[in-house]
Amino acid sequence: MSDRIPRLEMAEMRPDLAAYLTPRVERLRYLGELFKCVGHAPDVTLQFMHFTDALKHALPDRLTELGALTVASYMENRYERHQHERLSEKLGFPRTWIAQVNRLDPAAATELSDVEKVAQTYALKALRTRGLEAQAEFDTLARLLSPAEAMAFVMLIGRYVTHALAVNTLGLKPPVPSIFEGEQ
């Protein structure tokens, strides 16, 4: 874990960022280490959080969580994957659905809808090829979603890649365990 970035507590953050994060911290009962680090860039962090909020409103919950879990699993971002497993459960998604999303094998997934399979297929191709060879998969997705939703999904993938790069660069440990920890 990188110790080059001092960890800020809420009282040390700029007041507008601390105020924005307070409801999230109260709900989760902890201030994630990522926020303790990115709090050093309050303007960027606030915009990142507004972007995140806008994405949540732009897509149905299942597509949002599918995208978040797909990128987190692909990028080996256990920090975010564990949190989104918990959020998916809180939203009422079955553990079997969550597990199948995490496996990154949409062709074999029986719990995913056709749209979800296409969305995960696109996300994985975009990640593997840096978007350079994902046009056919995107076109398939765009036939099933509105233009606004299709573009929001593309942006969602980028949002979670950004998160993974930060977490992986800093070597941050997950603040909560996986819902599957202890299961065989």
Protein backbone atom coordinates (compact mmCIF):
# COMPACT_ATOMS: atom_id res chain seq x y z
CA MET A 1 0.00 0.00 0.00
CA SER A 2 1.31 3.42 -0.92
CA ASP A 3 1.96 5.71 2.02
CA ARG A 4 3.04 8.63 -0.17
CA ILE A 5 -0.43 10.18 0.09
CA PRO A 6 -1.44 11.22 3.62
CA ARG A 7 -4.87 9.94 4.65
CA LEU A 8 -7.32 12.72 5.49
CA GLU A 9 -10.12 12.36 7.98
CA MET A 10 -13.43 14.17 7.42
CA ALA A 11 -12.43 17.08 9.69
CA GLU A 12 -9.33 17.67 7.55
CA MET A 13 -11.22 17.81 4.24
CA ARG A 14 -12.45 20.95 2.58
CA PRO A 15 -15.87 21.68 4.10
CA ASP A 16 -17.90 21.31 0.89
CA LEU A 17 -16.38 17.88 0.17
CA ALA A 18 -16.87 16.76 3.76
CA ALA A 19 -20.50 17.89 3.62
CA TYR A 20 -21.06 16.01 0.37
CA LEU A 21 -19.51 12.82 1.74
CA THR A 22 -21.22 12.94 5.16
CA PRO A 23 -24.48 11.16 4.14
CA ARG A 24 -22.47 8.40 2.43
CA VAL A 25 -20.18 7.99 5.44
CA GLU A 26 -23.17 7.88 7.80
CA ARG A 27 -24.90 5.26 5.64
CA LEU A 28 -21.80 3.07 5.26
CA ARG A 29 -20.51 3.77 8.79
CA TYR A 30 -16.97 4.37 7.53
CA LEU A 31 -14.93 6.78 5.43
CA GLY A 32 -13.33 4.72 2.69
CA GLU A 33 -9.58 4.98 2.31
CA LEU A 34 -9.97 6.08 -1.30
CA PHE A 35 -11.79 9.21 -0.13
CA LYS A 36 -9.12 9.77 2.51
CA CYS A 37 -6.64 9.93 -0.39
CA VAL A 38 -8.63 11.72 -3.10
CA GLY A 39 -9.77 14.29 -0.57
CA HIS A 40 -6.51 16.06 -1.42
CA ALA A 41 -8.13 16.96 -4.78
CA PRO A 42 -11.53 18.20 -3.60
CA ASP A 43 -12.69 19.81 -6.86
CA VAL A 44 -11.85 16.68 -8.86
CA THR A 45 -13.42 14.42 -6.22
CA LEU A 46 -16.65 16.43 -6.12
CA GLN A 47 -16.94 16.31 -9.91
CA PHE A 48 -16.21 12.58 -9.89
CA MET A 49 -18.98 12.07 -7.34
CA HIS A 50 -21.44 14.21 -9.32
CA PHE A 51 -20.55 12.13 -12.39
CA THR A 52 -21.19 8.95 -10.38
CA ASP A 53 -24.55 10.27 -9.20
CA ALA A 54 -25.57 11.24 -12.74
CA LEU A 55 -24.74 7.73 -13.97
CA LYS A 56 -26.94 6.20 -11.27
CA HIS A 57 -29.87 8.25 -12.59
CA ALA A 58 -29.08 7.51 -16.25
CA LEU A 59 -29.27 3.71 -16.05
CA PRO A 60 -31.41 1.06 -14.40
CA ASP A 61 -29.86 -0.30 -11.19
CA ARG A 62 -29.12 -3.70 -12.69
CA LEU A 63 -27.10 -2.22 -15.58
CA THR A 64 -25.26 0.09 -13.20
CA GLU A 65 -24.34 -2.76 -10.89
CA LEU A 66 -23.50 -5.08 -13.78
CA GLY A 67 -21.10 -2.46 -15.15
CA ALA A 68 -19.56 -1.70 -11.76
CA LEU A 69 -19.06 -5.36 -10.88
CA THR A 70 -17.76 -6.24 -14.34
CA VAL A 71 -15.09 -3.56 -14.31
CA ALA A 72 -14.19 -4.22 -10.67
CA SER A 73 -13.79 -7.94 -11.34
CA TYR A 74 -11.88 -7.45 -14.60
CA MET A 75 -9.58 -4.81 -13.08
CA GLU A 76 -9.10 -6.86 -9.91
CA ASN A 77 -10.48 -4.00 -7.83
CA ARG A 78 -11.64 -5.92 -4.76
CA TYR A 79 -12.24 -2.59 -2.97
CA GLU A 80 -15.08 -1.66 -5.32
CA ARG A 81 -16.23 -5.21 -6.10
CA HIS A 82 -16.95 -5.97 -2.45
CA GLN A 83 -18.88 -2.73 -2.01
CA HIS A 84 -20.96 -3.32 -5.15
CA GLU A 85 -21.67 -6.93 -4.18
CA ARG A 86 -23.18 -5.54 -0.97
CA LEU A 87 -25.09 -2.81 -2.80
CA SER A 88 -26.42 -5.34 -5.31
CA GLU A 89 -27.69 -7.49 -2.45
CA LYS A 90 -29.25 -4.44 -0.78
CA LEU A 91 -31.02 -3.68 -4.09
CA GLY A 92 -32.48 -7.20 -4.01
CA PHE A 93 -30.35 -8.88 -6.67
CA PRO A 94 -29.80 -12.59 -5.99
CA ARG A 95 -26.34 -13.80 -5.00
CA THR A 96 -26.42 -16.14 -7.99
CA TRP A 97 -26.78 -13.09 -10.29
CA ILE A 98 -23.93 -11.28 -8.52
CA ALA A 99 -21.69 -14.37 -8.73
CA GLN A 100 -22.40 -14.80 -12.44
CA VAL A 101 -21.58 -11.16 -13.15
CA ASN A 102 -18.30 -11.57 -11.23
CA ARG A 103 -17.36 -14.65 -13.30
CA LEU A 104 -17.09 -12.47 -16.43
CA ASP A 105 -18.59 -15.17 -18.66
CA PRO A 106 -21.81 -13.70 -20.05
CA ALA A 107 -22.26 -16.50 -22.61
CA ALA A 108 -22.55 -19.05 -19.79
CA ALA A 109 -24.61 -16.88 -17.43
CA THR A 110 -28.14 -18.14 -16.85
CA GLU A 111 -29.17 -15.42 -14.37
CA LEU A 112 -28.41 -12.48 -16.67
CA SER A 113 -31.03 -11.08 -19.02
CA ASP A 114 -30.24 -10.84 -22.72
CA VAL A 115 -29.55 -7.11 -22.37
CA GLU A 116 -27.25 -7.75 -19.40
CA LYS A 117 -25.32 -10.39 -21.35
CA VAL A 118 -24.87 -8.00 -24.26
CA ALA A 119 -23.83 -5.18 -21.91
CA GLN A 120 -21.24 -7.34 -20.16
CA THR A 121 -19.96 -8.65 -23.49
CA TYR A 122 -19.47 -5.06 -24.67
CA ALA A 123 -17.81 -4.01 -21.39
CA LEU A 124 -15.35 -6.90 -21.49
CA LYS A 125 -14.46 -6.31 -25.15
CA ALA A 126 -14.01 -2.59 -24.52
CA LEU A 127 -11.75 -3.31 -21.54
CA ARG A 128 -9.70 -5.95 -23.37
CA THR A 129 -9.19 -3.85 -26.49
CA ARG A 130 -9.17 -0.39 -24.88
CA GLY A 131 -12.32 0.25 -26.91
CA LEU A 132 -10.47 -0.13 -30.20
CA GLU A 133 -12.25 -3.30 -31.29
CA ALA A 134 -15.56 -3.03 -29.44
CA GLN A 135 -17.70 -1.37 -32.12
CA ALA A 136 -19.70 -4.48 -33.06
CA GLU A 137 -20.44 -5.25 -29.42
CA PHE A 138 -21.41 -1.63 -28.80
CA ASP A 139 -23.70 -1.60 -31.85
CA THR A 140 -25.47 -4.69 -30.50
CA LEU A 141 -25.92 -2.98 -27.13
CA ALA A 142 -27.07 0.27 -28.73
CA ARG A 143 -29.84 -1.61 -30.56
CA LEU A 144 -31.23 -2.73 -27.19
CA LEU A 145 -30.92 0.53 -25.25
CA SER A 146 -31.84 4.13 -25.88
CA PRO A 147 -28.99 6.30 -27.18
CA ALA A 148 -28.81 7.98 -23.77
CA GLU A 149 -28.54 4.66 -21.94
CA ALA A 150 -25.99 3.24 -24.38
CA MET A 151 -23.72 6.25 -23.96
CA ALA A 152 -24.24 6.32 -20.20
CA PHE A 153 -23.13 2.68 -20.06
CA VAL A 154 -19.96 3.52 -21.98
CA MET A 155 -19.25 6.36 -19.55
CA LEU A 156 -20.02 4.08 -16.59
CA ILE A 157 -17.32 1.66 -17.72
CA GLY A 158 -14.84 4.54 -17.84
CA ARG A 159 -15.86 5.75 -14.39
CA TYR A 160 -15.14 2.37 -12.83
CA VAL A 161 -11.85 2.02 -14.71
CA THR A 162 -10.80 5.35 -13.16
CA HIS A 163 -11.71 4.08 -9.69
CA ALA A 164 -9.79 0.83 -10.26
CA LEU A 165 -6.68 2.66 -11.44
CA ALA A 166 -6.68 4.81 -8.30
CA VAL A 167 -7.30 1.90 -5.91
CA ASN A 168 -4.81 -0.41 -7.60
CA THR A 169 -2.13 2.31 -7.85
CA LEU A 170 -2.45 3.07 -4.14
CA GLY A 171 -2.72 -0.62 -3.22
CA LEU A 172 -5.85 0.00 -1.14
CA LYS A 173 -7.45 -2.90 0.71
CA PRO A 174 -11.23 -3.44 0.60
CA PRO A 175 -13.04 -1.71 3.47
CA VAL A 176 -15.52 -4.60 3.66
CA PRO A 177 -15.24 -8.31 2.87
CA SER A 178 -16.83 -9.96 -0.14
CA ILE A 179 -20.32 -11.33 0.42
CA PHE A 180 -18.86 -14.61 -0.81
CA GLU A 181 -16.01 -14.75 1.72
CA GLY A 182 -16.03 -18.06 3.52
CA GLU A 183 -18.09 -19.74 0.80
CA GLN A 184 -16.59 -22.50 -1.29
